[in-house]
Amino acid sequence: MTDNDDGAWFAAKTLGYGAGMPIAWQGWMLLAVMLGLPIGVVIALIPGHVGYAPVVVILSSLVFLPLVKAKTRGGWKWRNGRE
């Protein structure tokens, strides 16, 4: 998708800390799994306990954070938009 082939899956955020939008198909696939997995777990395993849904989403997101951090172009650091 970009002509800079550094193996990054996510762009760095322009403002703030963390990862921005996906820039490679692997990033889009990981984002789909990050969203689909907790939703599927909530629907399949705890249909009567919807109150647990935010807990499942947050805990499952924590599993993917190290990979997202490792695959973000330029790493995670505070950016103020002037770089």
PDB file of N, CA and C in Angstrom:
ATOM      1  N   MET A   1       0.801  -1.189   0.000  1.00  0.00           N
ATOM      2  CA  MET A   1       0.000   0.000   0.000  1.00  0.00           C
ATOM      3  C   MET A   1       0.851   1.263   0.000  1.00  0.00           C
ATOM      4  N   THR A   2       2.036   1.165   0.594  1.00  0.00           N
ATOM      5  CA  THR A   2       2.931   2.308   0.568  1.00  0.00           C
ATOM      6  C   THR A   2       4.225   1.887  -0.119  1.00  0.00           C
ATOM      7  N   ASP A   3       4.971   2.847  -0.594  1.00  0.00           N
ATOM      8  CA  ASP A   3       6.240   2.527  -1.231  1.00  0.00           C
ATOM      9  C   ASP A   3       7.359   2.366  -0.211  1.00  0.00           C
ATOM     10  N   ASN A   4       7.104   2.634   1.045  1.00  0.00           N
ATOM     11  CA  ASN A   4       8.069   2.445   2.124  1.00  0.00           C
ATOM     12  C   ASN A   4       7.826   1.071   2.737  1.00  0.00           C
ATOM     13  N   ASP A   5       8.660   0.090   2.376  1.00  0.00           N
ATOM     14  CA  ASP A   5       8.441  -1.278   2.832  1.00  0.00           C
ATOM     15  C   ASP A   5       9.290  -1.562   4.064  1.00  0.00           C
ATOM     16  N   ASP A   6       8.846  -1.060   5.206  1.00  0.00           N
ATOM     17  CA  ASP A   6       9.564  -1.287   6.450  1.00  0.00           C
ATOM     18  C   ASP A   6       8.909  -2.357   7.316  1.00  0.00           C
ATOM     19  N   GLY A   7       7.895  -3.023   6.812  1.00  0.00           N
ATOM     20  CA  GLY A   7       7.221  -4.079   7.554  1.00  0.00           C
ATOM     21  C   GLY A   7       6.167  -3.583   8.523  1.00  0.00           C
ATOM     22  N   ALA A   8       5.878  -2.294   8.500  1.00  0.00           N
ATOM     23  CA  ALA A   8       4.878  -1.745   9.415  1.00  0.00           C
ATOM     24  C   ALA A   8       3.473  -2.102   8.943  1.00  0.00           C
ATOM     25  N   TRP A   9       2.606  -2.371   9.902  1.00  0.00           N
ATOM     26  CA  TRP A   9       1.203  -2.667   9.605  1.00  0.00           C
ATOM     27  C   TRP A   9       0.312  -1.475   9.931  1.00  0.00           C
ATOM     28  N   PHE A  10       0.795  -0.587  10.800  1.00  0.00           N
ATOM     29  CA  PHE A  10       0.015   0.557  11.251  1.00  0.00           C
ATOM     30  C   PHE A  10       0.826   1.833  11.102  1.00  0.00           C
ATOM     31  N   ALA A  11       0.152   2.918  10.770  1.00  0.00           N
ATOM     32  CA  ALA A  11       0.799   4.227  10.737  1.00  0.00           C
ATOM     33  C   ALA A  11       0.840   4.778  12.154  1.00  0.00           C
ATOM     34  N   ALA A  12       1.798   5.639  12.392  1.00  0.00           N
ATOM     35  CA  ALA A  12       1.855   6.305  13.685  1.00  0.00           C
ATOM     36  C   ALA A  12       0.779   7.384  13.739  1.00  0.00           C
ATOM     37  N   LYS A  13       0.266   7.631  14.919  1.00  0.00           N
ATOM     38  CA  LYS A  13      -0.705   8.709  15.068  1.00  0.00           C
ATOM     39  C   LYS A  13      -0.018  10.053  14.857  1.00  0.00           C
ATOM     40  N   THR A  14      -0.750  10.994  14.306  1.00  0.00           N
ATOM     41  CA  THR A  14      -0.217  12.341  14.123  1.00  0.00           C
ATOM     42  C   THR A  14      -0.247  13.117  15.435  1.00  0.00           C
ATOM     43  N   LEU A  15      -1.290  12.928  16.189  1.00  0.00           N
ATOM     44  CA  LEU A  15      -1.452  13.575  17.488  1.00  0.00           C
ATOM     45  C   LEU A  15      -1.668  12.512  18.553  1.00  0.00           C
ATOM     46  N   GLY A  16      -0.927  12.615  19.635  1.00  0.00           N
ATOM     47  CA  GLY A  16      -1.137  11.699  20.743  1.00  0.00           C
ATOM     48  C   GLY A  16      -0.152  10.555  20.752  1.00  0.00           C
ATOM     49  N   TYR A  17      -0.536   9.481  21.410  1.00  0.00           N
ATOM     50  CA  TYR A  17       0.326   8.342  21.662  1.00  0.00           C
ATOM     51  C   TYR A  17      -0.335   7.092  21.113  1.00  0.00           C
ATOM     52  N   GLY A  18       0.428   6.250  20.437  1.00  0.00           N
ATOM     53  CA  GLY A  18      -0.114   4.977  19.989  1.00  0.00           C
ATOM     54  C   GLY A  18      -0.119   4.817  18.486  1.00  0.00           C
ATOM     55  N   ALA A  19      -0.917   3.848  18.036  1.00  0.00           N
ATOM     56  CA  ALA A  19      -0.995   3.504  16.616  1.00  0.00           C
ATOM     57  C   ALA A  19      -2.168   4.200  15.963  1.00  0.00           C
ATOM     58  N   GLY A  20      -1.999   4.480  14.679  1.00  0.00           N
ATOM     59  CA  GLY A  20      -3.077   5.063  13.884  1.00  0.00           C
ATOM     60  C   GLY A  20      -3.792   3.974  13.090  1.00  0.00           C
ATOM     61  N   MET A  21      -4.208   4.327  11.892  1.00  0.00           N
ATOM     62  CA  MET A  21      -4.948   3.400  11.038  1.00  0.00           C
ATOM     63  C   MET A  21      -4.019   2.370  10.396  1.00  0.00           C
ATOM     64  N   PRO A  22      -4.559   1.206  10.035  1.00  0.00           N
ATOM     65  CA  PRO A  22      -3.753   0.204   9.338  1.00  0.00           C
ATOM     66  C   PRO A  22      -3.297   0.714   7.969  1.00  0.00           C
ATOM     67  N   ILE A  23      -2.088   0.306   7.574  1.00  0.00           N
ATOM     68  CA  ILE A  23      -1.552   0.693   6.271  1.00  0.00           C
ATOM     69  C   ILE A  23      -1.186  -0.529   5.436  1.00  0.00           C
ATOM     70  N   ALA A  24      -1.415  -1.719   5.951  1.00  0.00           N
ATOM     71  CA  ALA A  24      -1.132  -2.958   5.232  1.00  0.00           C
ATOM     72  C   ALA A  24      -2.296  -3.921   5.462  1.00  0.00           C
ATOM     73  N   TRP A  25      -2.404  -4.912   4.601  1.00  0.00           N
ATOM     74  CA  TRP A  25      -3.519  -5.844   4.729  1.00  0.00           C
ATOM     75  C   TRP A  25      -3.439  -6.599   6.054  1.00  0.00           C
ATOM     76  N   GLN A  26      -2.223  -6.840   6.559  1.00  0.00           N
ATOM     77  CA  GLN A  26      -2.084  -7.531   7.839  1.00  0.00           C
ATOM     78  C   GLN A  26      -2.674  -6.704   8.976  1.00  0.00           C
ATOM     79  N   GLY A  27      -2.499  -5.397   8.895  1.00  0.00           N
ATOM     80  CA  GLY A  27      -3.077  -4.515   9.908  1.00  0.00           C
ATOM     81  C   GLY A  27      -4.589  -4.517   9.862  1.00  0.00           C
ATOM     82  N   TRP A  28      -5.145  -4.502   8.640  1.00  0.00           N
ATOM     83  CA  TRP A  28      -6.604  -4.557   8.511  1.00  0.00           C
ATOM     84  C   TRP A  28      -7.138  -5.888   9.025  1.00  0.00           C
ATOM     85  N   MET A  29      -6.426  -6.986   8.741  1.00  0.00           N
ATOM     86  CA  MET A  29      -6.860  -8.298   9.223  1.00  0.00           C
ATOM     87  C   MET A  29      -6.798  -8.360  10.749  1.00  0.00           C
ATOM     88  N   LEU A  30      -5.732  -7.837  11.328  1.00  0.00           N
ATOM     89  CA  LEU A  30      -5.621  -7.829  12.785  1.00  0.00           C
ATOM     90  C   LEU A  30      -6.720  -6.983  13.408  1.00  0.00           C
ATOM     91  N   LEU A  31      -7.029  -5.854  12.797  1.00  0.00           N
ATOM     92  CA  LEU A  31      -8.112  -5.007  13.300  1.00  0.00           C
ATOM     93  C   LEU A  31      -9.446  -5.747  13.247  1.00  0.00           C
ATOM     94  N   ALA A  32      -9.692  -6.479  12.166  1.00  0.00           N
ATOM     95  CA  ALA A  32     -10.929  -7.256  12.048  1.00  0.00           C
ATOM     96  C   ALA A  32     -11.007  -8.336  13.123  1.00  0.00           C
ATOM     97  N   VAL A  33      -9.887  -8.999  13.387  1.00  0.00           N
ATOM     98  CA  VAL A  33      -9.856 -10.026  14.437  1.00  0.00           C
ATOM     99  C   VAL A  33     -10.038  -9.386  15.809  1.00  0.00           C
ATOM    100  N   MET A  34      -9.385  -8.234  16.022  1.00  0.00           N
ATOM    101  CA  MET A  34      -9.511  -7.543  17.308  1.00  0.00           C
ATOM    102  C   MET A  34     -10.952  -7.129  17.593  1.00  0.00           C
ATOM    103  N   LEU A  35     -11.701  -6.807  16.548  1.00  0.00           N
ATOM    104  CA  LEU A  35     -13.101  -6.425  16.729  1.00  0.00           C
ATOM    105  C   LEU A  35     -14.031  -7.636  16.725  1.00  0.00           C
ATOM    106  N   GLY A  36     -13.757  -8.594  15.858  1.00  0.00           N
ATOM    107  CA  GLY A  36     -14.641  -9.736  15.697  1.00  0.00           C
ATOM    108  C   GLY A  36     -14.547 -10.762  16.802  1.00  0.00           C
ATOM    109  N   LEU A  37     -13.355 -11.001  17.311  1.00  0.00           N
ATOM    110  CA  LEU A  37     -13.175 -12.017  18.343  1.00  0.00           C
ATOM    111  C   LEU A  37     -13.964 -11.725  19.615  1.00  0.00           C
ATOM    112  N   PRO A  38     -13.832 -10.552  20.201  1.00  0.00           N
ATOM    113  CA  PRO A  38     -14.605 -10.300  21.423  1.00  0.00           C
ATOM    114  C   PRO A  38     -16.111 -10.272  21.181  1.00  0.00           C
ATOM    115  N   ILE A  39     -16.526  -9.760  20.035  1.00  0.00           N
ATOM    116  CA  ILE A  39     -17.959  -9.747  19.734  1.00  0.00           C
ATOM    117  C   ILE A  39     -18.470 -11.168  19.606  1.00  0.00           C
ATOM    118  N   GLY A  40     -17.711 -12.033  18.928  1.00  0.00           N
ATOM    119  CA  GLY A  40     -18.102 -13.437  18.795  1.00  0.00           C
ATOM    120  C   GLY A  40     -18.140 -14.147  20.132  1.00  0.00           C
ATOM    121  N   VAL A  41     -17.178 -13.875  20.994  1.00  0.00           N
ATOM    122  CA  VAL A  41     -17.147 -14.500  22.319  1.00  0.00           C
ATOM    123  C   VAL A  41     -18.348 -14.066  23.138  1.00  0.00           C
ATOM    124  N   VAL A  42     -18.663 -12.791  23.093  1.00  0.00           N
ATOM    125  CA  VAL A  42     -19.797 -12.284  23.858  1.00  0.00           C
ATOM    126  C   VAL A  42     -21.099 -12.916  23.359  1.00  0.00           C
ATOM    127  N   ILE A  43     -21.261 -13.001  22.052  1.00  0.00           N
ATOM    128  CA  ILE A  43     -22.491 -13.574  21.487  1.00  0.00           C
ATOM    129  C   ILE A  43     -22.585 -15.068  21.789  1.00  0.00           C
ATOM    130  N   ALA A  44     -21.472 -15.794  21.661  1.00  0.00           N
ATOM    131  CA  ALA A  44     -21.508 -17.248  21.804  1.00  0.00           C
ATOM    132  C   ALA A  44     -21.519 -17.720  23.252  1.00  0.00           C
ATOM    133  N   LEU A  45     -20.743 -17.104  24.101  1.00  0.00           N
ATOM    134  CA  LEU A  45     -20.545 -17.659  25.434  1.00  0.00           C
ATOM    135  C   LEU A  45     -21.367 -17.021  26.541  1.00  0.00           C
ATOM    136  N   ILE A  46     -21.654 -15.757  26.417  1.00  0.00           N
ATOM    137  CA  ILE A  46     -22.372 -15.108  27.518  1.00  0.00           C
ATOM    138  C   ILE A  46     -23.576 -14.323  27.013  1.00  0.00           C
ATOM    139  N   PRO A  47     -24.520 -15.018  26.354  1.00  0.00           N
ATOM    140  CA  PRO A  47     -25.667 -14.277  25.806  1.00  0.00           C
ATOM    141  C   PRO A  47     -26.563 -13.660  26.872  1.00  0.00           C
ATOM    142  N   GLY A  48     -26.628 -14.243  28.033  1.00  0.00           N
ATOM    143  CA  GLY A  48     -27.482 -13.699  29.074  1.00  0.00           C
ATOM    144  C   GLY A  48     -26.808 -12.669  29.953  1.00  0.00           C
ATOM    145  N   HIS A  49     -25.531 -12.466  29.751  1.00  0.00           N
ATOM    146  CA  HIS A  49     -24.755 -11.570  30.609  1.00  0.00           C
ATOM    147  C   HIS A  49     -24.098 -10.482  29.764  1.00  0.00           C
ATOM    148  N   VAL A  50     -24.875  -9.616  29.199  1.00  0.00           N
ATOM    149  CA  VAL A  50     -24.374  -8.564  28.325  1.00  0.00           C
ATOM    150  C   VAL A  50     -23.493  -7.578  29.097  1.00  0.00           C
ATOM    151  N   GLY A  51     -23.666  -7.488  30.377  1.00  0.00           N
ATOM    152  CA  GLY A  51     -22.866  -6.579  31.190  1.00  0.00           C
ATOM    153  C   GLY A  51     -21.382  -6.918  31.184  1.00  0.00           C
ATOM    154  N   TYR A  52     -21.041  -8.161  30.853  1.00  0.00           N
ATOM    155  CA  TYR A  52     -19.639  -8.569  30.786  1.00  0.00           C
ATOM    156  C   TYR A  52     -18.981  -8.191  29.462  1.00  0.00           C
ATOM    157  N   ALA A  53     -19.734  -7.723  28.499  1.00  0.00           N
ATOM    158  CA  ALA A  53     -19.208  -7.424  27.169  1.00  0.00           C
ATOM    159  C   ALA A  53     -18.043  -6.430  27.211  1.00  0.00           C
ATOM    160  N   PRO A  54     -18.145  -5.308  27.921  1.00  0.00           N
ATOM    161  CA  PRO A  54     -16.997  -4.376  27.943  1.00  0.00           C
ATOM    162  C   PRO A  54     -15.744  -5.003  28.539  1.00  0.00           C
ATOM    163  N   VAL A  55     -15.902  -5.850  29.531  1.00  0.00           N
ATOM    164  CA  VAL A  55     -14.750  -6.512  30.150  1.00  0.00           C
ATOM    165  C   VAL A  55     -14.077  -7.438  29.142  1.00  0.00           C
ATOM    166  N   VAL A  56     -14.866  -8.203  28.404  1.00  0.00           N
ATOM    167  CA  VAL A  56     -14.324  -9.117  27.401  1.00  0.00           C
ATOM    168  C   VAL A  56     -13.611  -8.332  26.302  1.00  0.00           C
ATOM    169  N   VAL A  57     -14.188  -7.243  25.856  1.00  0.00           N
ATOM    170  CA  VAL A  57     -13.579  -6.432  24.793  1.00  0.00           C
ATOM    171  C   VAL A  57     -12.253  -5.846  25.263  1.00  0.00           C
ATOM    172  N   ILE A  58     -12.201  -5.307  26.455  1.00  0.00           N
ATOM    173  CA  ILE A  58     -10.972  -4.692  26.971  1.00  0.00           C
ATOM    174  C   ILE A  58      -9.886  -5.734  27.185  1.00  0.00           C
ATOM    175  N   LEU A  59     -10.230  -6.851  27.803  1.00  0.00           N
ATOM    176  CA  LEU A  59      -9.225  -7.884  28.056  1.00  0.00           C
ATOM    177  C   LEU A  59      -8.695  -8.501  26.772  1.00  0.00           C
ATOM    178  N   SER A  60      -9.565  -8.724  25.799  1.00  0.00           N
ATOM    179  CA  SER A  60      -9.087  -9.298  24.542  1.00  0.00           C
ATOM    180  C   SER A  60      -8.252  -8.291  23.754  1.00  0.00           C
ATOM    181  N   SER A  61      -8.526  -7.014  23.893  1.00  0.00           N
ATOM    182  CA  SER A  61      -7.715  -5.993  23.222  1.00  0.00           C
ATOM    183  C   SER A  61      -6.309  -5.941  23.803  1.00  0.00           C
ATOM    184  N   LEU A  62      -6.181  -6.172  25.095  1.00  0.00           N
ATOM    185  CA  LEU A  62      -4.864  -6.146  25.726  1.00  0.00           C
ATOM    186  C   LEU A  62      -3.944  -7.221  25.168  1.00  0.00           C
ATOM    187  N   VAL A  63      -4.522  -8.324  24.690  1.00  0.00           N
ATOM    188  CA  VAL A  63      -3.721  -9.404  24.119  1.00  0.00           C
ATOM    189  C   VAL A  63      -3.016  -8.940  22.843  1.00  0.00           C
ATOM    190  N   PHE A  64      -3.677  -8.086  22.055  1.00  0.00           N
ATOM    191  CA  PHE A  64      -3.144  -7.675  20.766  1.00  0.00           C
ATOM    192  C   PHE A  64      -2.223  -6.457  20.836  1.00  0.00           C
ATOM    193  N   LEU A  65      -2.217  -5.731  21.932  1.00  0.00           N
ATOM    194  CA  LEU A  65      -1.444  -4.489  22.024  1.00  0.00           C
ATOM    195  C   LEU A  65       0.054  -4.646  21.771  1.00  0.00           C
ATOM    196  N   PRO A  66       0.724  -5.682  22.282  1.00  0.00           N
ATOM    197  CA  PRO A  66       2.160  -5.789  21.990  1.00  0.00           C
ATOM    198  C   PRO A  66       2.458  -5.945  20.490  1.00  0.00           C
ATOM    199  N   LEU A  67       1.628  -6.673  19.776  1.00  0.00           N
ATOM    200  CA  LEU A  67       1.829  -6.833  18.342  1.00  0.00           C
ATOM    201  C   LEU A  67       1.580  -5.523  17.604  1.00  0.00           C
ATOM    202  N   VAL A  68       0.533  -4.818  17.977  1.00  0.00           N
ATOM    203  CA  VAL A  68       0.246  -3.529  17.342  1.00  0.00           C
ATOM    204  C   VAL A  68       1.386  -2.557  17.605  1.00  0.00           C
ATOM    205  N   LYS A  69       1.895  -2.544  18.815  1.00  0.00           N
ATOM    206  CA  LYS A  69       2.998  -1.644  19.150  1.00  0.00           C
ATOM    207  C   LYS A  69       4.250  -1.987  18.349  1.00  0.00           C
ATOM    208  N   ALA A  70       4.529  -3.267  18.191  1.00  0.00           N
ATOM    209  CA  ALA A  70       5.718  -3.690  17.451  1.00  0.00           C
ATOM    210  C   ALA A  70       5.606  -3.397  15.962  1.00  0.00           C
ATOM    211  N   LYS A  71       4.397  -3.369  15.431  1.00  0.00           N
ATOM    212  CA  LYS A  71       4.196  -3.200  13.991  1.00  0.00           C
ATOM    213  C   LYS A  71       3.747  -1.788  13.607  1.00  0.00           C
ATOM    214  N   THR A  72       3.946  -0.811  14.479  1.00  0.00           N
ATOM    215  CA  THR A  72       3.595   0.575  14.174  1.00  0.00           C
ATOM    216  C   THR A  72       4.819   1.303  13.639  1.00  0.00           C
ATOM    217  N   ARG A  73       4.668   1.957  12.516  1.00  0.00           N
ATOM    218  CA  ARG A  73       5.772   2.690  11.891  1.00  0.00           C
ATOM    219  C   ARG A  73       6.232   3.813  12.819  1.00  0.00           C
ATOM    220  N   GLY A  74       7.505   3.792  13.182  1.00  0.00           N
ATOM    221  CA  GLY A  74       8.061   4.830  14.047  1.00  0.00           C
ATOM    222  C   GLY A  74       7.859   4.571  15.524  1.00  0.00           C
ATOM    223  N   GLY A  75       7.192   3.495  15.876  1.00  0.00           N
ATOM    224  CA  GLY A  75       6.964   3.173  17.284  1.00  0.00           C
ATOM    225  C   GLY A  75       5.920   4.052  17.938  1.00  0.00           C
ATOM    226  N   TRP A  76       5.681   3.776  19.195  1.00  0.00           N
ATOM    227  CA  TRP A  76       4.721   4.561  19.964  1.00  0.00           C
ATOM    228  C   TRP A  76       5.484   5.614  20.747  1.00  0.00           C
ATOM    229  N   LYS A  77       5.188   6.850  20.493  1.00  0.00           N
ATOM    230  CA  LYS A  77       5.718   7.962  21.281  1.00  0.00           C
ATOM    231  C   LYS A  77       4.735   9.114  21.148  1.00  0.00           C
ATOM    232  N   TRP A  78       4.858  10.073  22.031  1.00  0.00           N
ATOM    233  CA  TRP A  78       3.962  11.219  22.002  1.00  0.00           C
ATOM    234  C   TRP A  78       4.278  12.072  20.784  1.00  0.00           C
ATOM    235  N   ARG A  79       3.247  12.397  20.024  1.00  0.00           N
ATOM    236  CA  ARG A  79       3.405  13.244  18.842  1.00  0.00           C
ATOM    237  C   ARG A  79       2.458  14.433  18.984  1.00  0.00           C
ATOM    238  N   ASN A  80       2.965  15.609  18.670  1.00  0.00           N
ATOM    239  CA  ASN A  80       2.147  16.827  18.816  1.00  0.00           C
ATOM    240  C   ASN A  80       1.697  17.392  17.483  1.00  0.00           C
ATOM    241  N   GLY A  81       1.931  16.681  16.373  1.00  0.00           N
ATOM    242  CA  GLY A  81       1.474  17.125  15.068  1.00  0.00           C
ATOM    243  C   GLY A  81       2.420  18.046  14.343  1.00  0.00           C
ATOM    244  N   ARG A  82       3.565  18.354  14.929  1.00  0.00           N
ATOM    245  CA  ARG A  82       4.518  19.274  14.299  1.00  0.00           C
ATOM    246  C   ARG A  82       5.703  18.553  13.681  1.00  0.00           C
ATOM    247  N   GLU A  83       5.719  17.259  13.681  1.00  0.00           N
ATOM    248  CA  GLU A  83       6.854  16.504  13.127  1.00  0.00           C
ATOM    249  C   GLU A  83       6.738  16.380  11.634  1.00  0.00           C
TER     250      GLU A  83
END
